[in-house]
Amino acid sequence: MATKPPRDDVESEDAPATPSLDVGRLGDLLGFHLRMAHVAIYRDFAETMEELALTQKQLAVMELLAVNAGASQIDLANTLGTDRATMMALVNRLAGRDLIERRPSAADRRRQELHLTMAGHAMLARARKLIDAHEQRFIDLFSQDEMDALLAALKRIYKRD
């Protein structure tokens, strides 16, 4: 039986999927609907990954290392918008499970490079199959044009300068 992943995020699993109260003015607020959508996706992700005991942030770190072998904790923290202490805890958890390893940089001995281990690559392959099904449950709610528009709109929100 898989254990629940250590909490490295601050999401509440107790948040309602559908409001049971009249939401009043909240129903007109973009942030409210983004939050509710996030909670729905987060809950489904947590249920999907329970057997692998991986959190969203842990999986994000593994995905980034799969395509950026040798990245540092600081690189990961900057990319994910996470503080250094949180990233260190994430890396320590993944290293403790032998999913990633630290190696000294050949170019700068003060820098630690992070790499997926063989077990990490295997775990990521298993996780990707589960994630594909998780993603598809939400993608199926939209036509391709709606999905393209939704992604473009969301990117406009977080990539604005």
Protein backbone atom coordinates (compact mmCIF):
# COMPACT_ATOMS: atom_id res chain seq x y z
CA MET A 1 0.00 0.00 0.00
CA ALA A 2 1.39 3.40 -0.99
CA THR A 3 1.87 6.02 1.63
CA LYS A 4 0.57 9.53 1.12
CA PRO A 5 3.22 11.82 -0.31
CA PRO A 6 4.80 14.32 2.08
CA ARG A 7 3.15 17.70 1.78
CA ASP A 8 5.35 20.09 -0.14
CA ASP A 9 2.52 22.34 -1.17
CA VAL A 10 -0.23 24.18 0.65
CA GLU A 11 -3.35 22.96 -1.09
CA SER A 12 -6.24 21.88 1.05
CA GLU A 13 -7.85 18.62 0.07
CA ASP A 14 -10.90 19.68 2.08
CA ALA A 15 -11.90 22.48 -0.28
CA PRO A 16 -15.28 21.77 -1.89
CA ALA A 17 -15.29 20.72 -5.54
CA THR A 18 -18.61 22.52 -6.03
CA PRO A 19 -19.71 25.40 -3.80
CA SER A 20 -22.66 24.43 -1.61
CA LEU A 21 -23.47 28.05 -0.78
CA ASP A 22 -24.67 30.89 -2.96
CA VAL A 23 -21.32 32.32 -4.02
CA GLY A 24 -22.75 35.78 -4.63
CA ARG A 25 -20.21 38.20 -6.06
CA LEU A 26 -17.54 35.49 -6.12
CA GLY A 27 -19.34 33.96 -9.12
CA ASP A 28 -18.22 36.95 -11.19
CA LEU A 29 -14.56 36.83 -10.16
CA LEU A 30 -11.98 35.25 -12.45
CA GLY A 31 -9.76 34.33 -9.52
CA PHE A 32 -12.56 32.40 -7.83
CA HIS A 33 -13.19 30.27 -10.92
CA LEU A 34 -9.47 29.72 -11.49
CA ARG A 35 -9.15 28.58 -7.88
CA MET A 36 -12.12 26.21 -8.14
CA ALA A 37 -10.75 24.73 -11.37
CA HIS A 38 -7.34 24.36 -9.73
CA VAL A 39 -8.87 22.54 -6.76
CA ALA A 40 -10.71 20.12 -9.07
CA ILE A 41 -7.53 19.36 -11.03
CA TYR A 42 -5.42 19.14 -7.87
CA ARG A 43 -7.78 16.65 -6.21
CA ASP A 44 -7.88 14.44 -9.30
CA PHE A 45 -4.09 14.59 -9.58
CA ALA A 46 -3.64 13.64 -5.90
CA GLU A 47 -5.96 10.65 -6.30
CA THR A 48 -4.23 9.63 -9.53
CA MET A 49 -0.72 9.82 -8.04
CA GLU A 50 -1.59 8.28 -4.67
CA GLU A 51 -0.23 4.87 -5.66
CA LEU A 52 3.12 6.44 -6.61
CA ALA A 53 3.16 8.83 -3.64
CA LEU A 54 4.13 11.79 -5.83
CA THR A 55 2.96 15.38 -5.50
CA GLN A 56 2.50 17.86 -8.34
CA LYS A 57 5.69 19.69 -7.42
CA GLN A 58 7.72 16.48 -7.13
CA LEU A 59 6.53 15.37 -10.54
CA ALA A 60 7.29 18.83 -11.98
CA VAL A 61 10.86 18.57 -10.68
CA MET A 62 11.25 15.13 -12.23
CA GLU A 63 9.82 16.31 -15.57
CA LEU A 64 12.18 19.29 -15.60
CA LEU A 65 15.18 17.09 -14.83
CA ALA A 66 14.19 14.66 -17.58
CA VAL A 67 14.76 17.42 -20.15
CA ASN A 68 17.28 19.53 -18.22
CA ALA A 69 19.68 17.00 -16.71
CA GLY A 70 22.19 18.77 -14.51
CA ALA A 71 19.93 21.67 -13.56
CA SER A 72 20.50 23.11 -10.09
CA GLN A 73 18.01 23.53 -7.25
CA ILE A 74 18.07 27.27 -7.94
CA ASP A 75 17.27 26.69 -11.63
CA LEU A 76 14.32 24.51 -10.64
CA ALA A 77 13.08 26.95 -7.99
CA ASN A 78 13.21 29.84 -10.45
CA THR A 79 11.38 27.90 -13.15
CA LEU A 80 8.63 26.70 -10.80
CA GLY A 81 8.32 29.95 -8.86
CA THR A 82 9.24 28.21 -5.62
CA ASP A 83 11.44 29.49 -2.84
CA ARG A 84 14.82 27.85 -2.24
CA ALA A 85 13.88 26.24 1.07
CA THR A 86 10.84 24.54 -0.46
CA MET A 87 12.92 23.36 -3.40
CA MET A 88 15.58 21.97 -1.08
CA ALA A 89 12.90 19.98 0.78
CA LEU A 90 11.50 18.68 -2.53
CA VAL A 91 14.93 17.64 -3.75
CA ASN A 92 15.72 15.99 -0.40
CA ARG A 93 12.48 13.97 -0.56
CA LEU A 94 13.13 12.83 -4.11
CA ALA A 95 16.78 12.02 -3.33
CA GLY A 96 15.67 10.14 -0.22
CA ARG A 97 13.52 7.93 -2.45
CA ASP A 98 16.48 7.42 -4.85
CA LEU A 99 14.56 9.16 -7.66
CA ILE A 100 17.13 11.93 -8.18
CA GLU A 101 20.77 12.37 -7.30
CA ARG A 102 23.10 15.29 -6.71
CA ARG A 103 26.43 15.43 -8.51
CA PRO A 104 29.14 18.06 -8.26
CA SER A 105 29.39 20.21 -11.38
CA ALA A 106 32.50 19.67 -13.48
CA ALA A 107 32.51 23.37 -14.39
CA ASP A 108 31.88 24.78 -10.90
CA ARG A 109 32.52 22.58 -7.84
CA ARG A 110 30.32 24.85 -5.71
CA ARG A 111 27.32 23.94 -7.86
CA GLN A 112 25.37 20.72 -7.44
CA GLU A 113 23.80 19.25 -10.56
CA LEU A 114 20.61 17.22 -10.26
CA HIS A 115 19.90 14.11 -12.31
CA LEU A 116 17.18 11.51 -12.42
CA THR A 117 18.37 8.09 -11.27
CA MET A 118 17.43 4.90 -13.08
CA ALA A 119 14.66 4.49 -10.49
CA GLY A 120 13.62 8.09 -11.19
CA HIS A 121 13.35 7.44 -14.92
CA ALA A 122 11.29 4.32 -14.24
CA MET A 123 9.02 6.17 -11.80
CA LEU A 124 8.57 9.03 -14.26
CA ALA A 125 7.55 6.58 -17.00
CA ARG A 126 4.90 5.11 -14.68
CA ALA A 127 3.75 8.57 -13.62
CA ARG A 128 3.44 9.79 -17.21
CA LYS A 129 0.95 7.02 -18.03
CA LEU A 130 -1.18 8.02 -15.06
CA ILE A 131 -0.82 11.73 -15.84
CA ASP A 132 -1.92 11.18 -19.43
CA ALA A 133 -5.20 9.68 -18.17
CA HIS A 134 -5.57 12.45 -15.58
CA GLU A 135 -5.05 15.16 -18.21
CA GLN A 136 -7.39 13.48 -20.67
CA ARG A 137 -10.26 13.57 -18.14
CA PHE A 138 -10.08 17.37 -18.24
CA ILE A 139 -9.15 17.80 -21.92
CA ASP A 140 -12.25 15.80 -22.86
CA LEU A 141 -14.39 18.60 -21.39
CA PHE A 142 -13.33 20.88 -24.28
CA SER A 143 -13.21 20.91 -28.06
CA GLN A 144 -9.74 21.37 -29.57
CA ASP A 145 -10.50 25.02 -30.36
CA GLU A 146 -11.71 25.61 -26.79
CA MET A 147 -8.61 23.92 -25.39
CA ASP A 148 -6.31 26.03 -27.56
CA ALA A 149 -8.14 29.20 -26.48
CA LEU A 150 -8.10 28.21 -22.82
CA LEU A 151 -4.36 27.52 -22.80
CA ALA A 152 -3.64 30.77 -24.64
CA ALA A 153 -5.78 32.71 -22.16
CA LEU A 154 -4.15 31.11 -19.13
CA LYS A 155 -0.66 31.77 -20.50
CA ARG A 156 -1.63 35.41 -21.02
CA ILE A 157 -2.41 35.64 -17.31
CA TYR A 158 0.86 34.27 -15.98
CA LYS A 159 3.25 35.43 -18.71
CA ARG A 160 2.27 39.08 -18.64
CA ASP A 161 5.05 41.53 -17.85
